[in-house]
């Protein structure tokens, strides 16, 4: 047993949380239309789209695959958005299962909004970022919905994850 949380465990946690939210919104579809200013999303569905589009684009970037243009990816319905997360999970899993994968390979990032000294990072760091990015937004979303009077019961803290036993 290792003392560290691995990327494979973070991926399992990500999938667990995404599955929770998919099920919650399947059961409560009207919540997707609530206003949401997080990351300029406009609506809850806009934030969900942001999360799962980011999952896919990070997976493509880390995996050396062509990046799909953000504007070419679906804005809905929920099932199509969840499909983006599922595609990303397949790519992430393939990378994690490849014993020849060099996690220390540094990748260039072409984001003008990033300071020049931060425009490159190892695959390992980018994978951790991608998997933690969604967790941060799910927590924001749970807070937003609770404050709007719609508690979700989301227990997204790592301590509650069955994926990290």
Protein backbone atom coordinates (compact mmCIF):
# COMPACT_ATOMS: atom_id res chain seq x y z
CA UNK A 1 0.00 0.00 0.00
CA UNK A 2 1.23 3.48 -0.85
CA UNK A 3 0.86 6.52 1.36
CA UNK A 4 -0.15 8.75 -1.54
CA UNK A 5 -3.47 9.24 -3.30
CA UNK A 6 -2.92 8.19 -6.90
CA UNK A 7 -4.25 9.63 -10.14
CA UNK A 8 -6.26 6.45 -10.64
CA UNK A 9 -8.03 7.09 -7.32
CA UNK A 10 -8.68 10.72 -8.26
CA UNK A 11 -10.19 9.52 -11.53
CA UNK A 12 -12.47 7.11 -9.66
CA UNK A 13 -13.53 9.95 -7.33
CA UNK A 14 -14.20 12.18 -10.32
CA UNK A 15 -16.37 9.52 -11.90
CA UNK A 16 -18.22 8.94 -8.63
CA UNK A 17 -19.01 12.65 -8.24
CA UNK A 18 -19.98 13.10 -11.89
CA UNK A 19 -22.31 10.12 -11.56
CA UNK A 20 -23.90 11.68 -8.49
CA UNK A 21 -24.58 14.94 -10.34
CA UNK A 22 -25.86 13.18 -13.46
CA UNK A 23 -28.33 11.23 -11.31
CA UNK A 24 -29.31 14.31 -9.31
CA UNK A 25 -30.06 16.34 -12.43
CA UNK A 26 -31.89 13.43 -14.07
CA UNK A 27 -34.17 13.46 -11.01
CA UNK A 28 -34.35 17.29 -10.80
CA UNK A 29 -34.00 18.64 -14.36
CA UNK A 30 -35.45 22.08 -13.53
CA UNK A 31 -32.33 22.82 -11.47
CA UNK A 32 -30.31 22.96 -14.68
CA UNK A 33 -32.07 26.20 -15.62
CA UNK A 34 -31.28 28.04 -12.38
CA UNK A 35 -29.07 31.13 -12.74
CA UNK A 36 -25.39 30.51 -12.06
CA UNK A 37 -22.63 33.10 -12.27
CA UNK A 38 -19.78 30.67 -11.52
CA UNK A 39 -17.21 30.96 -14.31
CA UNK A 40 -19.71 33.08 -16.27
CA UNK A 41 -21.84 29.97 -16.89
CA UNK A 42 -25.21 31.74 -16.92
CA UNK A 43 -27.12 28.67 -15.74
CA UNK A 44 -26.40 25.53 -13.77
CA UNK A 45 -26.39 23.62 -17.06
CA UNK A 46 -23.77 26.06 -18.35
CA UNK A 47 -21.54 25.24 -15.39
CA UNK A 48 -22.08 21.49 -15.85
CA UNK A 49 -21.11 21.96 -19.49
CA UNK A 50 -17.98 23.87 -18.45
CA UNK A 51 -16.96 21.06 -16.09
CA UNK A 52 -17.43 18.23 -18.55
CA UNK A 53 -16.06 20.12 -21.55
CA UNK A 54 -12.95 20.86 -19.48
CA UNK A 55 -12.69 17.17 -18.57
CA UNK A 56 -12.69 16.20 -22.23
CA UNK A 57 -10.35 18.91 -23.44
CA UNK A 58 -7.83 18.19 -20.66
CA UNK A 59 -7.99 14.48 -21.51
CA UNK A 60 -7.38 15.26 -25.17
CA UNK A 61 -4.51 17.62 -24.35
CA UNK A 62 -2.81 15.23 -21.92
CA UNK A 63 -3.36 12.28 -24.24
CA UNK A 64 -1.88 14.08 -27.25
CA UNK A 65 -5.20 13.93 -29.11
CA UNK A 66 -6.67 16.65 -31.32
CA UNK A 67 -8.58 19.20 -29.26
CA UNK A 68 -12.22 19.51 -30.15
CA UNK A 69 -13.21 23.16 -30.42
CA UNK A 70 -15.24 24.20 -27.39
CA UNK A 71 -17.93 25.71 -29.62
CA UNK A 72 -18.31 22.37 -31.46
CA UNK A 73 -19.18 20.51 -28.25
CA UNK A 74 -22.82 20.17 -27.16
CA UNK A 75 -24.52 22.69 -24.88
CA UNK A 76 -27.05 20.04 -23.86
CA UNK A 77 -29.02 17.98 -23.14
CA UNK A 78 -27.60 16.55 -19.92
CA UNK A 79 -27.01 13.11 -21.48
CA UNK A 80 -24.83 14.64 -24.21
CA UNK A 81 -22.87 16.64 -21.63
CA UNK A 82 -22.34 13.54 -19.48
CA UNK A 83 -21.05 11.80 -22.60
CA UNK A 84 -18.20 14.33 -22.68
CA UNK A 85 -17.18 13.29 -19.17
CA UNK A 86 -17.42 9.62 -20.14
CA UNK A 87 -15.20 10.18 -23.19
CA UNK A 88 -12.67 11.95 -20.99
CA UNK A 89 -12.72 9.12 -18.43
CA UNK A 90 -11.91 6.59 -21.17
CA UNK A 91 -8.90 8.63 -22.27
CA UNK A 92 -7.73 9.20 -18.69
CA UNK A 93 -8.08 5.48 -17.90
CA UNK A 94 -6.15 4.50 -21.04
CA UNK A 95 -3.33 6.85 -20.05
CA UNK A 96 -3.25 5.53 -16.48
CA UNK A 97 -3.23 1.91 -17.66
CA UNK A 98 -0.28 2.49 -20.02
CA UNK A 99 2.90 1.45 -18.19
CA UNK A 100 4.98 3.27 -20.80
CA UNK A 101 3.28 6.60 -20.11
CA UNK A 102 5.85 9.24 -19.16
CA UNK A 103 4.07 11.37 -16.57
CA UNK A 104 6.98 13.78 -16.29
CA UNK A 105 6.76 14.84 -19.96
CA UNK A 106 6.21 18.59 -20.01
CA UNK A 107 3.42 19.87 -22.23
CA UNK A 108 3.08 23.41 -23.52
CA UNK A 109 -0.15 25.27 -22.77
CA UNK A 110 -1.33 27.87 -25.27
CA UNK A 111 -3.40 29.97 -22.90
CA UNK A 112 -2.78 33.70 -23.27
CA UNK A 113 -4.43 34.28 -19.89
CA UNK A 114 -1.73 32.24 -18.14
CA UNK A 115 1.48 34.04 -17.18
CA UNK A 116 4.32 32.87 -19.48
CA UNK A 117 6.10 31.01 -16.67
CA UNK A 118 3.01 28.85 -16.14
CA UNK A 119 2.45 27.89 -19.77
CA UNK A 120 3.93 24.43 -19.38
CA UNK A 121 3.45 21.59 -16.91
CA UNK A 122 4.05 17.87 -16.60
CA UNK A 123 1.38 15.41 -17.68
CA UNK A 124 1.16 14.35 -14.03
CA UNK A 125 0.41 17.89 -12.85
CA UNK A 126 -2.08 18.50 -15.65
CA UNK A 127 -3.91 15.24 -14.91
CA UNK A 128 -4.17 16.12 -11.21
CA UNK A 129 -5.38 19.60 -12.17
CA UNK A 130 -8.02 18.19 -14.52
CA UNK A 131 -9.36 15.77 -11.92
CA UNK A 132 -9.43 18.35 -9.13
CA UNK A 133 -10.93 21.09 -11.33
CA UNK A 134 -14.28 19.35 -11.43
CA UNK A 135 -14.27 18.71 -7.67
CA UNK A 136 -13.85 22.42 -6.97
CA UNK A 137 -16.77 23.30 -9.23
CA UNK A 138 -19.02 20.55 -7.83
CA UNK A 139 -18.48 22.01 -4.36
CA UNK A 140 -19.34 25.49 -5.65
CA UNK A 141 -22.45 24.10 -7.30
CA UNK A 142 -23.59 22.30 -4.14
CA UNK A 143 -23.22 25.56 -2.21
CA UNK A 144 -25.11 27.55 -4.86
CA UNK A 145 -28.00 25.09 -4.93
CA UNK A 146 -28.20 24.86 -1.14
CA UNK A 147 -28.26 28.68 -0.87
CA UNK A 148 -31.06 28.75 -3.47
CA UNK A 149 -33.12 26.37 -1.32
CA UNK A 150 -32.31 23.15 -3.17
CA UNK A 151 -30.01 21.05 -0.99
CA UNK A 152 -28.53 18.14 -2.93
CA UNK A 153 -27.10 15.89 -0.27
CA UNK A 154 -23.81 16.00 -2.20
CA UNK A 155 -21.04 14.64 -0.04
CA UNK A 156 -18.13 15.42 -2.31
CA UNK A 157 -15.39 15.56 0.28
CA UNK A 158 -12.75 12.93 -0.31
CA UNK A 159 -13.44 11.38 3.10
CA UNK A 160 -16.89 10.26 1.89
CA UNK A 161 -15.68 8.69 -1.35
CA UNK A 162 -16.10 4.96 -1.77
CA UNK A 163 -13.54 5.23 -4.58
CA UNK A 164 -10.82 6.17 -2.08
CA UNK A 165 -11.13 3.46 0.59
